[in-house]
Protein backbone atom coordinates (compact mmCIF):
# COMPACT_ATOMS: atom_id res chain seq x y z
CA UNK A 1 -24.77 -62.27 3.62
CA UNK A 2 -26.98 -64.90 3.60
CA UNK A 3 -26.50 -66.92 6.91
CA UNK A 4 -29.91 -66.33 8.62
CA UNK A 5 -32.15 -68.82 6.65
CA UNK A 6 -35.94 -68.44 5.37
CA UNK A 7 -38.02 -71.32 6.39
CA UNK A 8 -41.74 -72.24 5.79
CA UNK A 9 -43.59 -74.15 8.48
CA UNK A 10 -45.51 -76.38 6.96
CA UNK A 11 -48.97 -77.01 7.95
CA UNK A 12 -49.95 -79.28 11.29
CA UNK A 13 -45.52 -78.44 12.29
CA UNK A 14 -45.14 -76.93 15.99
CA UNK A 15 -44.29 -73.14 15.98
CA UNK A 16 -41.34 -73.05 18.43
CA UNK A 17 -38.26 -71.62 17.99
CA UNK A 18 -37.57 -72.15 14.30
CA UNK A 19 -34.01 -70.17 14.69
CA UNK A 20 -30.35 -70.56 14.62
CA UNK A 21 -30.19 -68.41 17.74
CA UNK A 22 -28.96 -64.59 17.31
CA UNK A 23 -26.16 -65.12 18.77
CA UNK A 24 -24.97 -67.94 16.81
CA UNK A 25 -25.89 -66.32 13.73
CA UNK A 26 -24.36 -63.09 14.48
CA UNK A 27 -20.78 -65.48 15.46
CA UNK A 28 -21.09 -66.88 12.27
CA UNK A 29 -21.55 -63.36 10.43
CA UNK A 30 -17.94 -62.18 11.83
CA UNK A 31 -16.49 -65.49 11.94
CA UNK A 32 -17.05 -66.24 8.19
CA UNK A 33 -14.32 -64.75 6.39
CA UNK A 34 -13.33 -66.47 2.50
CA UNK A 35 -16.54 -69.33 3.22
CA UNK A 36 -19.10 -66.17 3.22
CA UNK A 37 -18.80 -66.26 -0.75
CA UNK A 38 -20.79 -69.29 -0.97
CA UNK A 39 -23.82 -67.29 0.74
CA UNK A 40 -22.81 -64.30 -0.57
CA UNK A 41 -27.29 -63.26 -1.00
CA UNK A 42 -30.58 -64.54 0.50
CA UNK A 43 -31.42 -68.12 0.19
CA UNK A 44 -34.29 -69.80 0.99
CA UNK A 45 -35.12 -72.61 2.52
CA UNK A 46 -38.29 -75.23 2.78
CA UNK A 47 -37.79 -77.35 5.90
CA UNK A 48 -39.96 -78.36 8.63
CA UNK A 49 -38.20 -77.67 11.51
CA UNK A 50 -40.27 -77.97 14.53
CA UNK A 51 -39.26 -75.86 17.38
CA UNK A 52 -35.73 -77.45 17.06
CA UNK A 53 -32.73 -74.97 17.70
CA UNK A 54 -29.22 -74.97 18.35
CA UNK A 55 -27.06 -72.48 20.09
CA UNK A 56 -23.49 -71.71 20.63
CA UNK A 57 -22.67 -71.62 24.25
CA UNK A 58 -20.47 -68.10 24.79
CA UNK A 59 -17.00 -68.32 25.02
CA UNK A 60 -16.03 -72.15 23.47
CA UNK A 61 -16.78 -73.82 20.48
CA UNK A 62 -19.64 -76.01 21.61
CA UNK A 63 -22.81 -76.79 19.74
CA UNK A 64 -25.52 -76.94 21.84
CA UNK A 65 -28.65 -78.71 20.60
CA UNK A 66 -32.41 -79.51 21.73
CA UNK A 67 -33.23 -82.35 18.85
CA UNK A 68 -32.43 -83.55 15.77
CA UNK A 69 -33.25 -80.55 13.80
CA UNK A 70 -30.87 -78.66 16.11
CA UNK A 71 -28.61 -81.04 15.41
CA UNK A 72 -28.58 -80.83 11.48
CA UNK A 73 -28.33 -77.00 11.97
CA UNK A 74 -25.45 -77.75 14.35
CA UNK A 75 -23.09 -79.21 12.18
CA UNK A 76 -24.01 -77.14 9.22
CA UNK A 77 -23.05 -74.23 11.45
CA UNK A 78 -19.76 -76.01 11.55
CA UNK A 79 -19.22 -76.69 7.89
CA UNK A 80 -20.33 -73.19 7.19
CA UNK A 81 -17.34 -71.66 8.81
CA UNK A 82 -14.78 -74.50 7.89
CA UNK A 83 -14.04 -76.44 11.36
CA UNK A 84 -12.32 -79.43 11.07
CA UNK A 85 -13.55 -80.30 14.74
CA UNK A 86 -16.52 -79.05 16.76
CA UNK A 87 -18.12 -80.59 19.93
CA UNK A 88 -21.84 -80.90 20.44
CA UNK A 89 -23.48 -80.73 23.82
CA UNK A 90 -27.40 -81.97 24.20
CA UNK A 91 -29.75 -80.24 26.62
CA UNK A 92 -33.01 -82.01 26.96
CA UNK A 93 -32.69 -83.52 23.95
CA UNK A 94 -36.34 -85.20 22.51
CA UNK A 95 -34.66 -88.35 20.63
CA UNK A 96 -32.47 -90.94 20.73
CA UNK A 97 -28.68 -89.56 20.91
CA UNK A 98 -26.49 -92.14 18.93
CA UNK A 99 -29.56 -92.65 15.77
CA UNK A 100 -29.90 -88.96 15.60
CA UNK A 101 -26.20 -88.48 15.63
CA UNK A 102 -25.89 -90.74 11.95
CA UNK A 103 -28.32 -89.59 10.54
CA UNK A 104 -27.82 -85.84 11.26
CA UNK A 105 -24.54 -86.73 9.45
CA UNK A 106 -26.03 -88.64 6.57
CA UNK A 107 -28.50 -85.85 5.51
CA UNK A 108 -25.59 -83.08 5.74
CA UNK A 109 -23.46 -84.42 3.77
CA UNK A 110 -25.55 -86.20 1.28
CA UNK A 111 -28.96 -83.85 0.91
CA UNK A 112 -27.66 -80.38 1.46
CA UNK A 113 -25.39 -78.54 -1.12
CA UNK A 114 -22.82 -77.00 0.93
CA UNK A 115 -22.08 -80.77 2.71
CA UNK A 116 -22.13 -82.39 -0.57
CA UNK A 117 -19.98 -80.47 -2.60
CA UNK A 118 -17.08 -79.97 0.00
CA UNK A 119 -17.63 -82.70 2.55
CA UNK A 120 -15.58 -85.93 2.26
CA UNK A 121 -17.24 -87.18 5.59
CA UNK A 122 -18.18 -86.80 9.07
CA UNK A 123 -16.49 -89.38 12.08
CA UNK A 124 -18.42 -88.84 15.38
CA UNK A 125 -17.04 -90.29 18.90
CA UNK A 126 -19.25 -92.08 21.17
CA UNK A 127 -20.92 -90.00 23.16
CA UNK A 128 -20.49 -89.56 26.50
CA UNK A 129 -22.70 -89.36 29.24
CA UNK A 130 -22.47 -86.56 31.66
CA UNK A 131 -25.16 -86.00 34.57
CA UNK A 132 -28.10 -84.21 32.43
CA UNK A 133 -26.28 -84.27 29.13
CA UNK A 134 -24.12 -86.25 26.11
CA UNK A 135 -21.75 -84.76 24.67
CA UNK A 136 -19.46 -85.66 21.65
CA UNK A 137 -16.68 -84.35 19.10
CA UNK A 138 -16.79 -84.44 15.59
CA UNK A 139 -13.91 -84.42 12.94
CA UNK A 140 -14.95 -83.33 9.51
CA UNK A 141 -12.54 -84.07 6.45
CA UNK A 142 -13.17 -81.70 2.93
CA UNK A 143 -12.94 -82.89 -0.14
CA UNK A 144 -12.40 -79.17 -1.01
CA UNK A 145 -9.92 -76.36 0.14
CA UNK A 146 -11.61 -73.38 1.69
CA UNK A 147 -10.45 -70.91 -1.54
CA UNK A 148 -12.71 -73.17 -3.31
CA UNK A 149 -16.01 -72.65 -1.59
CA UNK A 150 -15.14 -68.81 -1.10
CA UNK A 151 -15.32 -68.91 -4.98
CA UNK A 152 -18.75 -70.50 -5.62
CA UNK A 153 -21.07 -67.39 -5.76
CA UNK A 154 -25.29 -67.70 -5.96
CA UNK A 155 -26.40 -66.86 -9.29
CA UNK A 156 -29.60 -66.17 -10.83
CA UNK A 157 -30.64 -68.03 -13.78
CA UNK A 158 -30.06 -64.87 -16.21
CA UNK A 159 -26.30 -65.07 -14.54
CA UNK A 160 -25.56 -68.46 -15.07
CA UNK A 161 -26.46 -68.23 -18.47
CA UNK A 162 -24.10 -65.54 -18.60
CA UNK A 163 -21.65 -67.21 -16.53
CA UNK A 164 -21.76 -69.87 -19.02
CA UNK A 165 -21.42 -67.35 -21.74
CA UNK A 166 -17.75 -66.08 -20.56
CA UNK A 167 -16.78 -69.75 -20.28
CA UNK A 168 -17.60 -70.55 -23.56
CA UNK A 169 -15.87 -67.10 -25.26
CA UNK A 170 -12.50 -67.64 -23.08
CA UNK A 171 -12.75 -71.52 -23.24
CA UNK A 172 -12.55 -72.25 -19.29
CA UNK A 173 -12.35 -75.86 -18.41
CA UNK A 174 -14.25 -75.72 -15.57
CA UNK A 175 -17.23 -73.26 -13.80
CA UNK A 176 -18.74 -73.81 -10.39
CA UNK A 177 -21.93 -71.73 -8.92
CA UNK A 178 -24.88 -72.05 -6.99
CA UNK A 179 -28.34 -71.61 -7.84
CA UNK A 180 -31.78 -71.54 -6.13
CA UNK A 181 -34.39 -72.64 -8.78
CA UNK A 182 -35.94 -75.68 -10.68
CA UNK A 183 -35.36 -74.13 -13.73
CA UNK A 184 -32.34 -75.30 -14.18
CA UNK A 185 -32.17 -78.70 -15.69
CA UNK A 186 -29.14 -80.66 -17.80
CA UNK A 187 -31.53 -80.36 -20.64
CA UNK A 188 -31.48 -76.65 -20.70
CA UNK A 189 -27.93 -76.30 -19.99
CA UNK A 190 -27.08 -78.51 -23.05
CA UNK A 191 -29.35 -77.08 -25.56
CA UNK A 192 -28.43 -73.63 -24.30
CA UNK A 193 -24.78 -74.17 -25.18
CA UNK A 194 -25.25 -76.30 -28.40
CA UNK A 195 -27.75 -73.33 -29.28
CA UNK A 196 -25.01 -70.93 -28.55
CA UNK A 197 -22.26 -72.28 -30.15
CA UNK A 198 -24.28 -73.25 -33.67
CA UNK A 199 -25.05 -69.46 -33.67
CA UNK A 200 -21.25 -68.45 -34.51
CA UNK A 201 -18.80 -71.09 -35.27
CA UNK A 202 -16.59 -68.91 -36.18
CA UNK A 203 -15.58 -67.78 -32.55
CA UNK A 204 -16.92 -71.17 -30.95
CA UNK A 205 -15.04 -73.18 -33.56
CA UNK A 206 -15.27 -76.32 -31.28
CA UNK A 207 -18.51 -77.96 -29.84
CA UNK A 208 -16.81 -79.01 -26.22
CA UNK A 209 -17.82 -81.96 -24.11
CA UNK A 210 -20.01 -81.05 -20.98
CA UNK A 211 -20.45 -83.13 -17.90
CA UNK A 212 -22.84 -81.65 -15.31
CA UNK A 213 -22.35 -82.46 -11.45
CA UNK A 214 -24.83 -81.46 -9.03
CA UNK A 215 -24.83 -81.13 -5.23
CA UNK A 216 -26.95 -82.68 -4.36
CA UNK A 217 -28.46 -83.06 -7.36
CA UNK A 218 -30.26 -81.15 -10.06
CA UNK A 219 -34.00 -81.45 -8.76
CA UNK A 220 -33.24 -79.72 -5.81
CA UNK A 221 -34.31 -76.36 -5.28
CA UNK A 222 -31.05 -75.38 -3.46
CA UNK A 223 -27.62 -76.98 -5.71
CA UNK A 224 -24.24 -76.30 -6.29
CA UNK A 225 -23.57 -76.88 -9.62
CA UNK A 226 -20.16 -77.93 -11.98
CA UNK A 227 -19.76 -77.82 -15.51
CA UNK A 228 -16.86 -79.34 -17.17
CA UNK A 229 -15.89 -78.28 -20.46
CA UNK A 230 -13.74 -81.05 -22.10
CA UNK A 231 -11.88 -79.53 -25.77
CA UNK A 232 -9.94 -81.68 -27.90
CA UNK A 233 -7.18 -78.97 -28.45
CA UNK A 234 -5.06 -76.52 -25.86
CA UNK A 235 -6.54 -73.21 -24.81
CA UNK A 236 -3.81 -71.83 -26.94
CA UNK A 237 -4.69 -74.01 -29.91
CA UNK A 238 -8.55 -73.21 -29.84
CA UNK A 239 -7.57 -69.13 -29.57
CA UNK A 240 -5.28 -69.87 -32.68
CA UNK A 241 -8.25 -71.65 -34.57
CA UNK A 242 -10.52 -68.89 -33.73
CA UNK A 243 -8.41 -66.20 -35.21
CA UNK A 244 -7.94 -68.35 -38.66
CA UNK A 245 -11.82 -68.66 -39.21
CA UNK A 246 -12.34 -64.63 -38.29
CA UNK A 247 -9.32 -64.43 -41.03
CA UNK A 248 -11.01 -66.34 -43.59
CA UNK A 249 -14.21 -65.16 -42.88
CA UNK A 250 -13.04 -61.35 -43.24
CA UNK A 251 -11.54 -62.08 -46.94
CA UNK A 252 -13.17 -60.32 -49.36
CA UNK A 253 -15.54 -62.84 -51.76
CA UNK A 254 -14.13 -63.45 -55.86
CA UNK A 255 -14.72 -60.46 -58.31
CA UNK A 256 -17.08 -60.96 -60.76
CA UNK A 257 -15.69 -62.74 -64.30
CA UNK A 258 -14.28 -60.26 -66.94
CA UNK A 259 -15.46 -59.49 -70.19
CA UNK A 260 -13.03 -61.65 -72.42
CA UNK A 261 -14.37 -60.68 -75.65
CA UNK A 262 -14.08 -56.63 -75.06
CA UNK A 263 -17.64 -55.79 -76.46
CA UNK A 264 -18.45 -55.37 -72.91
CA UNK A 265 -20.73 -58.53 -72.93
CA UNK A 266 -20.15 -61.52 -70.64
CA UNK A 267 -20.15 -65.02 -72.09
CA UNK A 268 -23.54 -66.71 -71.30
CA UNK A 269 -24.80 -63.84 -69.75
CA UNK A 270 -27.90 -62.91 -68.91
CA UNK A 271 -28.52 -59.49 -70.74
CA UNK A 272 -31.40 -57.16 -72.09
CA UNK A 273 -32.00 -56.70 -76.07
CA UNK A 274 -33.49 -54.24 -77.16
CA UNK A 275 -37.27 -55.13 -79.39
CA UNK A 276 -37.13 -53.56 -82.56
CA UNK A 277 -33.14 -54.47 -82.98
CA UNK A 278 -34.66 -57.52 -82.49
CA UNK A 279 -37.44 -57.03 -85.44
CA UNK A 280 -35.08 -55.83 -87.69
CA UNK A 281 -32.72 -58.71 -87.23
CA UNK A 282 -35.69 -60.77 -87.90
CA UNK A 283 -36.86 -59.08 -91.28
CA UNK A 284 -33.07 -59.49 -92.69
CA UNK A 285 -32.90 -62.90 -91.63
CA UNK A 286 -36.13 -63.43 -93.49
CA UNK A 287 -34.87 -61.28 -96.72
CA UNK A 288 -31.69 -63.57 -96.67
CA UNK A 289 -33.50 -66.24 -96.33
CA UNK A 290 -35.77 -65.59 -99.63
CA UNK A 291 -32.76 -64.56 -101.41
CA UNK A 292 -31.22 -67.76 -100.56
CA UNK A 293 -34.80 -69.77 -102.21
CA UNK A 294 -34.27 -67.52 -105.16
CA UNK A 295 -31.22 -68.84 -105.74
CA UNK A 296 -31.71 -72.71 -105.24
CA UNK A 297 -34.73 -72.20 -107.86
CA UNK A 298 -32.46 -70.86 -110.47
CA UNK A 299 -29.85 -73.05 -110.60
CA UNK A 300 -32.63 -75.83 -110.08
CA UNK A 301 -34.06 -74.89 -113.15
CA UNK A 302 -30.96 -74.04 -115.29
CA UNK A 303 -29.74 -77.50 -114.26
CA UNK A 304 -33.39 -79.40 -115.35
CA UNK A 305 -33.19 -77.47 -119.23
CA UNK A 306 -32.83 -80.26 -122.26
CA UNK A 307 -29.07 -80.04 -124.12
CA UNK A 308 -29.31 -80.07 -127.88
CA UNK A 309 -27.38 -82.83 -128.81
CA UNK A 310 -23.61 -81.80 -130.75
CA UNK A 311 -23.23 -83.21 -134.12
């Protein structure tokens, strides 16, 4: 389970409590059931967390935060747990609460993979000021079901292409996965699919139209990607077309043309000849030609002889 994020501190950042609170992480690990599949492996985040943290108050659903970074963490934790409501309380808060609420909601919903993929919008209440802290409620509206989120798997680059292969083989209309790489681009996906299908037009009878949607976007290191494959026919029709193509490819090639003359030679065919036989045939042709010339000469002499007039 990859709820504990690995963070990189940029030069100049203050080294504070760059944690999501051990108690909160443990609670999240215990409460996440089907949603835990989204982060079933370790993933890495490079952010400038400067002494910000949040924690869940024991025996309650209240998230306590100290600054903007902690507020983002609290919002993300509520989505991890697929909460539809939550309460956030400030403690020695460094910043303007009203401004940071709006900024944090916008960031989580638009710029994080899980928020962009699963959340429609988040509605906060007006912060209430108590003696030493602010407190406000959040209402979270999702555009995905908990089951849909649970089906998302974190894959490496080799596993991603293997998943695409499986989808093409079974004519799946859509696949969704989480990636943590910059090597995966729209161009790379389109090129891979095209080359894969063109390599075996019998097994892949139709080139689908591909639509790629990434949350938050394809250039991000961490992203959730959805691939839609649009085919012109139903899955059953595509399977029948594949079977027909396979059947046609297995038909034996046409036999060689038969000998129509029965003399062992194929008409207009190329075959080897005996050189001695060729010479013999050439000599016979020469004798025949000489005989014909001689006959012609005798005939000419007979015709040219004068005849005596008859009385």
